[in-house]
């Protein structure tokens, strides 16, 4: 503990303790962990889209959507009516 003087008076300075920083460090460490990559085939994607959508046209729209391209990193084009 350090002492300071002000106009002849002696005042004691109290050290502050910072609490709660350990919890933040743990939360930050958990948030920054790398994401586990999963390999999914095109057939698996189409089957999952068909299970969700229920019909072929809606599944094709879902698989070829912009959000699916952002998630997979590749643009999927479905050609129908050959």
PDB file of N, CA and C in Angstrom:
ATOM      1  N   UNK A   1       0.851  -1.163   0.000  1.00  0.00           N
ATOM      2  CA  UNK A   1       0.000   0.000   0.000  1.00  0.00           C
ATOM      3  C   UNK A   1       0.901   1.230   0.000  1.00  0.00           C
ATOM      4  N   UNK A   2       0.594   2.140  -0.886  1.00  0.00           N
ATOM      5  CA  UNK A   2       1.401   3.348  -0.987  1.00  0.00           C
ATOM      6  C   UNK A   2       0.727   4.484  -0.224  1.00  0.00           C
ATOM      7  N   UNK A   3       1.547   5.447   0.200  1.00  0.00           N
ATOM      8  CA  UNK A   3       1.019   6.603   0.926  1.00  0.00           C
ATOM      9  C   UNK A   3       1.241   7.848   0.086  1.00  0.00           C
ATOM     10  N   UNK A   4       0.282   8.725   0.113  1.00  0.00           N
ATOM     11  CA  UNK A   4       0.415  10.021  -0.550  1.00  0.00           C
ATOM     12  C   UNK A   4       0.153  11.117   0.467  1.00  0.00           C
ATOM     13  N   UNK A   5       0.702  12.286   0.217  1.00  0.00           N
ATOM     14  CA  UNK A   5       0.480  13.415   1.125  1.00  0.00           C
ATOM     15  C   UNK A   5      -0.220  14.537   0.384  1.00  0.00           C
ATOM     16  N   UNK A   6      -1.187  15.124   1.062  1.00  0.00           N
ATOM     17  CA  UNK A   6      -1.870  16.295   0.530  1.00  0.00           C
ATOM     18  C   UNK A   6      -1.920  17.335   1.634  1.00  0.00           C
ATOM     19  N   UNK A   7      -1.206  18.422   1.467  1.00  0.00           N
ATOM     20  CA  UNK A   7      -1.167  19.546   2.401  1.00  0.00           C
ATOM     21  C   UNK A   7      -0.966  19.088   3.843  1.00  0.00           C
ATOM     22  N   UNK A   8       0.056  18.280   4.032  1.00  0.00           N
ATOM     23  CA  UNK A   8       0.398  17.881   5.386  1.00  0.00           C
ATOM     24  C   UNK A   8      -0.353  16.679   5.890  1.00  0.00           C
ATOM     25  N   UNK A   9      -1.344  16.174   5.151  1.00  0.00           N
ATOM     26  CA  UNK A   9      -2.100  15.005   5.603  1.00  0.00           C
ATOM     27  C   UNK A   9      -1.537  13.753   4.917  1.00  0.00           C
ATOM     28  N   UNK A  10      -1.573  12.689   5.608  1.00  0.00           N
ATOM     29  CA  UNK A  10      -1.140  11.411   5.043  1.00  0.00           C
ATOM     30  C   UNK A  10      -2.392  10.606   4.705  1.00  0.00           C
ATOM     31  N   UNK A  11      -2.498  10.192   3.428  1.00  0.00           N
ATOM     32  CA  UNK A  11      -3.658   9.421   2.982  1.00  0.00           C
ATOM     33  C   UNK A  11      -3.167   8.068   2.463  1.00  0.00           C
ATOM     34  N   UNK A  12      -3.875   7.038   2.793  1.00  0.00           N
ATOM     35  CA  UNK A  12      -3.535   5.702   2.302  1.00  0.00           C
ATOM     36  C   UNK A  12      -4.302   5.438   1.007  1.00  0.00           C
ATOM     37  N   UNK A  13      -3.582   4.962  -0.012  1.00  0.00           N
ATOM     38  CA  UNK A  13      -4.227   4.556  -1.261  1.00  0.00           C
ATOM     39  C   UNK A  13      -4.514   3.066  -1.189  1.00  0.00           C
ATOM     40  N   UNK A  14      -5.687   2.700  -1.593  1.00  0.00           N
ATOM     41  CA  UNK A  14      -6.089   1.300  -1.556  1.00  0.00           C
ATOM     42  C   UNK A  14      -5.998   0.749  -2.970  1.00  0.00           C
ATOM     43  N   UNK A  15      -5.351  -0.400  -3.096  1.00  0.00           N
ATOM     44  CA  UNK A  15      -5.224  -1.035  -4.411  1.00  0.00           C
ATOM     45  C   UNK A  15      -6.564  -1.651  -4.789  1.00  0.00           C
ATOM     46  N   UNK A  16      -6.942  -1.474  -6.045  1.00  0.00           N
ATOM     47  CA  UNK A  16      -8.198  -2.043  -6.529  1.00  0.00           C
ATOM     48  C   UNK A  16      -7.958  -3.437  -7.068  1.00  0.00           C
ATOM     49  N   UNK A  17      -8.897  -4.310  -6.815  1.00  0.00           N
ATOM     50  CA  UNK A  17      -8.812  -5.658  -7.350  1.00  0.00           C
ATOM     51  C   UNK A  17      -9.824  -5.792  -8.471  1.00  0.00           C
ATOM     52  N   UNK A  18      -9.365  -6.321  -9.567  1.00  0.00           N
ATOM     53  CA  UNK A  18     -10.243  -6.538 -10.715  1.00  0.00           C
ATOM     54  C   UNK A  18     -10.715  -7.976 -10.669  1.00  0.00           C
ATOM     55  N   UNK A  19     -12.017  -8.148 -10.620  1.00  0.00           N
ATOM     56  CA  UNK A  19     -12.582  -9.488 -10.540  1.00  0.00           C
ATOM     57  C   UNK A  19     -13.389  -9.772 -11.797  1.00  0.00           C
ATOM     58  N   UNK A  20     -13.538 -11.047 -12.111  1.00  0.00           N
ATOM     59  CA  UNK A  20     -14.382 -11.437 -13.227  1.00  0.00           C
ATOM     60  C   UNK A  20     -13.666 -11.534 -14.556  1.00  0.00           C
ATOM     61  N   UNK A  21     -12.380 -11.337 -14.616  1.00  0.00           N
ATOM     62  CA  UNK A  21     -11.686 -11.419 -15.900  1.00  0.00           C
ATOM     63  C   UNK A  21     -11.436 -12.862 -16.315  1.00  0.00           C
ATOM     64  N   UNK A  22     -11.388 -13.789 -15.382  1.00  0.00           N
ATOM     65  CA  UNK A  22     -11.138 -15.191 -15.723  1.00  0.00           C
ATOM     66  C   UNK A  22     -12.302 -15.766 -16.522  1.00  0.00           C
ATOM     67  N   UNK A  23     -13.519 -15.404 -16.180  1.00  0.00           N
ATOM     68  CA  UNK A  23     -14.685 -15.882 -16.912  1.00  0.00           C
ATOM     69  C   UNK A  23     -14.709 -15.392 -18.340  1.00  0.00           C
ATOM     70  N   UNK A  24     -14.287 -14.164 -18.549  1.00  0.00           N
ATOM     71  CA  UNK A  24     -14.241 -13.615 -19.903  1.00  0.00           C
ATOM     72  C   UNK A  24     -13.195 -14.321 -20.749  1.00  0.00           C
ATOM     73  N   UNK A  25     -12.065 -14.649 -20.145  1.00  0.00           N
ATOM     74  CA  UNK A  25     -11.001 -15.325 -20.884  1.00  0.00           C
ATOM     75  C   UNK A  25     -11.452 -16.709 -21.330  1.00  0.00           C
ATOM     76  N   UNK A  26     -12.187 -17.404 -20.488  1.00  0.00           N
ATOM     77  CA  UNK A  26     -12.671 -18.737 -20.844  1.00  0.00           C
ATOM     78  C   UNK A  26     -13.695 -18.647 -21.961  1.00  0.00           C
ATOM     79  N   UNK A  27     -14.601 -17.674 -21.887  1.00  0.00           N
ATOM     80  CA  UNK A  27     -15.607 -17.506 -22.932  1.00  0.00           C
ATOM     81  C   UNK A  27     -14.956 -17.133 -24.254  1.00  0.00           C
ATOM     82  N   UNK A  28     -13.934 -16.306 -24.213  1.00  0.00           N
ATOM     83  CA  UNK A  28     -13.250 -15.913 -25.435  1.00  0.00           C
ATOM     84  C   UNK A  28     -12.510 -17.096 -26.038  1.00  0.00           C
ATOM     85  N   UNK A  29     -11.918 -17.937 -25.211  1.00  0.00           N
ATOM     86  CA  UNK A  29     -11.206 -19.105 -25.708  1.00  0.00           C
ATOM     87  C   UNK A  29     -12.166 -20.094 -26.364  1.00  0.00           C
ATOM     88  N   UNK A  30     -13.349 -20.254 -25.787  1.00  0.00           N
ATOM     89  CA  UNK A  30     -14.328 -21.159 -26.383  1.00  0.00           C
ATOM     90  C   UNK A  30     -14.857 -20.615 -27.700  1.00  0.00           C
ATOM     91  N   UNK A  31     -15.035 -19.317 -27.789  1.00  0.00           N
ATOM     92  CA  UNK A  31     -15.582 -18.717 -28.997  1.00  0.00           C
ATOM     93  C   UNK A  31     -14.591 -18.751 -30.145  1.00  0.00           C
ATOM     94  N   UNK A  32     -13.291 -18.755 -29.854  1.00  0.00           N
ATOM     95  CA  UNK A  32     -12.305 -18.691 -30.919  1.00  0.00           C
ATOM     96  C   UNK A  32     -11.782 -20.054 -31.340  1.00  0.00           C
ATOM     97  N   UNK A  33     -12.385 -21.147 -30.859  1.00  0.00           N
ATOM     98  CA  UNK A  33     -11.944 -22.470 -31.265  1.00  0.00           C
ATOM     99  C   UNK A  33     -12.299 -22.708 -32.724  1.00  0.00           C
ATOM    100  N   UNK A  34     -11.434 -23.389 -33.477  1.00  0.00           N
ATOM    101  CA  UNK A  34     -11.715 -23.623 -34.892  1.00  0.00           C
ATOM    102  C   UNK A  34     -12.909 -24.558 -35.074  1.00  0.00           C
ATOM    103  N   UNK A  35     -13.612 -24.341 -36.157  1.00  0.00           N
ATOM    104  CA  UNK A  35     -14.792 -25.148 -36.456  1.00  0.00           C
ATOM    105  C   UNK A  35     -14.340 -26.430 -37.142  1.00  0.00           C
ATOM    106  N   UNK A  36     -14.931 -27.527 -36.757  1.00  0.00           N
ATOM    107  CA  UNK A  36     -14.588 -28.813 -37.358  1.00  0.00           C
ATOM    108  C   UNK A  36     -15.212 -28.899 -38.743  1.00  0.00           C
ATOM    109  N   UNK A  37     -14.399 -29.206 -39.756  1.00  0.00           N
ATOM    110  CA  UNK A  37     -14.898 -29.309 -41.121  1.00  0.00           C
ATOM    111  C   UNK A  37     -15.508 -30.685 -41.345  1.00  0.00           C
ATOM    112  N   UNK A  38     -16.619 -30.705 -42.072  1.00  0.00           N
ATOM    113  CA  UNK A  38     -17.314 -31.945 -42.373  1.00  0.00           C
ATOM    114  C   UNK A  38     -17.411 -32.067 -43.886  1.00  0.00           C
ATOM    115  N   UNK A  39     -17.057 -33.232 -44.407  1.00  0.00           N
ATOM    116  CA  UNK A  39     -17.187 -33.449 -45.844  1.00  0.00           C
ATOM    117  C   UNK A  39     -18.567 -34.003 -46.146  1.00  0.00           C
ATOM    118  N   UNK A  40     -19.273 -33.331 -47.058  1.00  0.00           N
ATOM    119  CA  UNK A  40     -20.608 -33.743 -47.453  1.00  0.00           C
ATOM    120  C   UNK A  40     -20.616 -33.866 -48.968  1.00  0.00           C
ATOM    121  N   UNK A  41     -21.164 -34.959 -49.473  1.00  0.00           N
ATOM    122  CA  UNK A  41     -21.228 -35.138 -50.923  1.00  0.00           C
ATOM    123  C   UNK A  41     -22.430 -34.389 -51.484  1.00  0.00           C
ATOM    124  N   UNK A  42     -22.413 -34.203 -52.788  1.00  0.00           N
ATOM    125  CA  UNK A  42     -23.529 -33.523 -53.457  1.00  0.00           C
ATOM    126  C   UNK A  42     -24.810 -34.331 -53.307  1.00  0.00           C
ATOM    127  N   UNK A  43     -24.694 -35.640 -53.339  1.00  0.00           N
ATOM    128  CA  UNK A  43     -25.870 -36.497 -53.153  1.00  0.00           C
ATOM    129  C   UNK A  43     -26.479 -36.335 -51.775  1.00  0.00           C
ATOM    130  N   UNK A  44     -25.624 -36.197 -50.758  1.00  0.00           N
ATOM    131  CA  UNK A  44     -26.127 -35.967 -49.402  1.00  0.00           C
ATOM    132  C   UNK A  44     -26.874 -34.640 -49.309  1.00  0.00           C
ATOM    133  N   UNK A  45     -26.334 -33.595 -49.953  1.00  0.00           N
ATOM    134  CA  UNK A  45     -27.006 -32.288 -49.947  1.00  0.00           C
ATOM    135  C   UNK A  45     -28.365 -32.357 -50.634  1.00  0.00           C
ATOM    136  N   UNK A  46     -28.416 -33.034 -51.778  1.00  0.00           N
ATOM    137  CA  UNK A  46     -29.680 -33.135 -52.516  1.00  0.00           C
ATOM    138  C   UNK A  46     -30.691 -33.953 -51.715  1.00  0.00           C
ATOM    139  N   UNK A  47     -30.249 -35.040 -51.105  1.00  0.00           N
ATOM    140  CA  UNK A  47     -31.158 -35.867 -50.299  1.00  0.00           C
ATOM    141  C   UNK A  47     -31.701 -35.087 -49.102  1.00  0.00           C
ATOM    142  N   UNK A  48     -30.839 -34.318 -48.441  1.00  0.00           N
ATOM    143  CA  UNK A  48     -31.293 -33.523 -47.304  1.00  0.00           C
ATOM    144  C   UNK A  48     -32.267 -32.435 -47.747  1.00  0.00           C
ATOM    145  N   UNK A  49     -31.979 -31.793 -48.886  1.00  0.00           N
ATOM    146  CA  UNK A  49     -32.888 -30.760 -49.405  1.00  0.00           C
ATOM    147  C   UNK A  49     -34.236 -31.354 -49.782  1.00  0.00           C
ATOM    148  N   UNK A  50     -34.228 -32.559 -50.354  1.00  0.00           N
ATOM    149  CA  UNK A  50     -35.490 -33.210 -50.724  1.00  0.00           C
ATOM    150  C   UNK A  50     -36.281 -33.592 -49.479  1.00  0.00           C
ATOM    151  N   UNK A  51     -35.589 -34.030 -48.420  1.00  0.00           N
ATOM    152  CA  UNK A  51     -36.282 -34.357 -47.160  1.00  0.00           C
ATOM    153  C   UNK A  51     -36.937 -33.127 -46.553  1.00  0.00           C
ATOM    154  N   UNK A  52     -36.268 -31.974 -46.650  1.00  0.00           N
ATOM    155  CA  UNK A  52     -36.802 -30.738 -46.069  1.00  0.00           C
ATOM    156  C   UNK A  52     -37.910 -30.165 -46.946  1.00  0.00           C
ATOM    157  N   UNK A  53     -37.665 -30.098 -48.253  1.00  0.00           N
ATOM    158  CA  UNK A  53     -38.601 -29.420 -49.159  1.00  0.00           C
ATOM    159  C   UNK A  53     -39.801 -30.293 -49.503  1.00  0.00           C
ATOM    160  N   UNK A  54     -39.589 -31.585 -49.728  1.00  0.00           N
ATOM    161  CA  UNK A  54     -40.704 -32.459 -50.026  1.00  0.00           C
ATOM    162  C   UNK A  54     -40.938 -32.720 -51.497  1.00  0.00           C
ATOM    163  N   UNK A  55     -40.491 -31.859 -52.380  1.00  0.00           N
ATOM    164  CA  UNK A  55     -40.648 -32.089 -53.815  1.00  0.00           C
ATOM    165  C   UNK A  55     -39.374 -31.675 -54.548  1.00  0.00           C
ATOM    166  N   UNK A  56     -39.218 -32.170 -55.759  1.00  0.00           N
ATOM    167  CA  UNK A  56     -37.959 -32.019 -56.495  1.00  0.00           C
ATOM    168  C   UNK A  56     -37.677 -30.561 -56.860  1.00  0.00           C
ATOM    169  N   UNK A  57     -38.682 -29.839 -57.297  1.00  0.00           N
ATOM    170  CA  UNK A  57     -38.470 -28.451 -57.723  1.00  0.00           C
ATOM    171  C   UNK A  57     -38.035 -27.567 -56.547  1.00  0.00           C
ATOM    172  N   UNK A  58     -38.655 -27.746 -55.399  1.00  0.00           N
ATOM    173  CA  UNK A  58     -38.288 -26.964 -54.215  1.00  0.00           C
ATOM    174  C   UNK A  58     -36.897 -27.361 -53.710  1.00  0.00           C
ATOM    175  N   UNK A  59     -36.568 -28.642 -53.829  1.00  0.00           N
ATOM    176  CA  UNK A  59     -35.233 -29.096 -53.430  1.00  0.00           C
ATOM    177  C   UNK A  59     -34.172 -28.502 -54.347  1.00  0.00           C
ATOM    178  N   UNK A  60     -34.451 -28.418 -55.642  1.00  0.00           N
ATOM    179  CA  UNK A  60     -33.514 -27.825 -56.601  1.00  0.00           C
ATOM    180  C   UNK A  60     -33.311 -26.347 -56.307  1.00  0.00           C
ATOM    181  N   UNK A  61     -34.389 -25.647 -55.962  1.00  0.00           N
ATOM    182  CA  UNK A  61     -34.274 -24.227 -55.601  1.00  0.00           C
ATOM    183  C   UNK A  61     -33.429 -24.048 -54.336  1.00  0.00           C
ATOM    184  N   UNK A  62     -33.626 -24.939 -53.388  1.00  0.00           N
ATOM    185  CA  UNK A  62     -32.890 -24.858 -52.127  1.00  0.00           C
ATOM    186  C   UNK A  62     -31.400 -25.135 -52.334  1.00  0.00           C
ATOM    187  N   UNK A  63     -31.073 -26.146 -53.106  1.00  0.00           N
ATOM    188  CA  UNK A  63     -29.671 -26.511 -53.328  1.00  0.00           C
ATOM    189  C   UNK A  63     -28.941 -25.441 -54.136  1.00  0.00           C
ATOM    190  N   UNK A  64     -29.628 -24.803 -55.075  1.00  0.00           N
ATOM    191  CA  UNK A  64     -28.977 -23.812 -55.930  1.00  0.00           C
ATOM    192  C   UNK A  64     -29.119 -22.380 -55.406  1.00  0.00           C
ATOM    193  N   UNK A  65     -29.538 -22.208 -54.153  1.00  0.00           N
ATOM    194  CA  UNK A  65     -29.726 -20.870 -53.601  1.00  0.00           C
ATOM    195  C   UNK A  65     -28.389 -20.209 -53.263  1.00  0.00           C
ATOM    196  N   UNK A  66     -28.426 -18.895 -53.097  1.00  0.00           N
ATOM    197  CA  UNK A  66     -27.212 -18.139 -52.762  1.00  0.00           C
ATOM    198  C   UNK A  66     -26.695 -18.495 -51.379  1.00  0.00           C
ATOM    199  N   UNK A  67     -27.598 -18.726 -50.434  1.00  0.00           N
ATOM    200  CA  UNK A  67     -27.160 -19.070 -49.080  1.00  0.00           C
ATOM    201  C   UNK A  67     -26.455 -20.427 -49.048  1.00  0.00           C
ATOM    202  N   UNK A  68     -26.896 -21.367 -49.883  1.00  0.00           N
ATOM    203  CA  UNK A  68     -26.208 -22.659 -49.956  1.00  0.00           C
ATOM    204  C   UNK A  68     -24.829 -22.495 -50.596  1.00  0.00           C
ATOM    205  N   UNK A  69     -24.720 -21.602 -51.584  1.00  0.00           N
ATOM    206  CA  UNK A  69     -23.422 -21.345 -52.212  1.00  0.00           C
ATOM    207  C   UNK A  69     -22.458 -20.706 -51.214  1.00  0.00           C
ATOM    208  N   UNK A  70     -22.945 -19.817 -50.371  1.00  0.00           N
ATOM    209  CA  UNK A  70     -22.094 -19.206 -49.348  1.00  0.00           C
ATOM    210  C   UNK A  70     -21.672 -20.226 -48.297  1.00  0.00           C
ATOM    211  N   UNK A  71     -22.582 -21.137 -47.944  1.00  0.00           N
ATOM    212  CA  UNK A  71     -22.273 -22.132 -46.921  1.00  0.00           C
ATOM    213  C   UNK A  71     -21.269 -23.171 -47.416  1.00  0.00           C
ATOM    214  N   UNK A  72     -21.402 -23.601 -48.662  1.00  0.00           N
ATOM    215  CA  UNK A  72     -20.525 -24.635 -49.200  1.00  0.00           C
ATOM    216  C   UNK A  72     -19.278 -24.075 -49.863  1.00  0.00           C
ATOM    217  N   UNK A  73     -19.332 -22.824 -50.279  1.00  0.00           N
ATOM    218  CA  UNK A  73     -18.200 -22.244 -50.984  1.00  0.00           C
ATOM    219  C   UNK A  73     -18.204 -22.560 -52.463  1.00  0.00           C
ATOM    220  N   UNK A  74     -19.246 -23.172 -52.967  1.00  0.00           N
ATOM    221  CA  UNK A  74     -19.375 -23.530 -54.390  1.00  0.00           C
ATOM    222  C   UNK A  74     -20.799 -23.261 -54.852  1.00  0.00           C
ATOM    223  N   UNK A  75     -20.917 -22.844 -56.103  1.00  0.00           N
ATOM    224  CA  UNK A  75     -22.224 -22.605 -56.705  1.00  0.00           C
ATOM    225  C   UNK A  75     -22.718 -23.896 -57.321  1.00  0.00           C
ATOM    226  N   UNK A  76     -23.897 -24.347 -56.941  1.00  0.00           N
ATOM    227  CA  UNK A  76     -24.485 -25.578 -57.468  1.00  0.00           C
ATOM    228  C   UNK A  76     -25.566 -25.198 -58.465  1.00  0.00           C
ATOM    229  N   UNK A  77     -25.464 -25.728 -59.676  1.00  0.00           N
ATOM    230  CA  UNK A  77     -26.428 -25.435 -60.732  1.00  0.00           C
ATOM    231  C   UNK A  77     -27.201 -26.713 -61.024  1.00  0.00           C
ATOM    232  N   UNK A  78     -28.534 -26.635 -60.980  1.00  0.00           N
ATOM    233  CA  UNK A  78     -29.384 -27.780 -61.263  1.00  0.00           C
ATOM    234  C   UNK A  78     -30.041 -27.561 -62.613  1.00  0.00           C
ATOM    235  N   UNK A  79     -29.845 -28.508 -63.530  1.00  0.00           N
ATOM    236  CA  UNK A  79     -30.423 -28.439 -64.874  1.00  0.00           C
ATOM    237  C   UNK A  79     -31.550 -29.453 -64.928  1.00  0.00           C
ATOM    238  N   UNK A  80     -32.765 -29.004 -65.275  1.00  0.00           N
ATOM    239  CA  UNK A  80     -33.925 -29.896 -65.350  1.00  0.00           C
ATOM    240  C   UNK A  80     -34.518 -29.835 -66.744  1.00  0.00           C
ATOM    241  N   UNK A  81     -35.292 -30.843 -67.085  1.00  0.00           N
ATOM    242  CA  UNK A  81     -36.029 -30.852 -68.345  1.00  0.00           C
ATOM    243  C   UNK A  81     -35.186 -31.131 -69.572  1.00  0.00           C
ATOM    244  N   UNK A  82     -34.277 -32.088 -69.511  1.00  0.00           N
ATOM    245  CA  UNK A  82     -33.429 -32.396 -70.674  1.00  0.00           C
ATOM    246  C   UNK A  82     -34.173 -33.081 -71.769  1.00  0.00           C
TER     247      UNK A  82
END
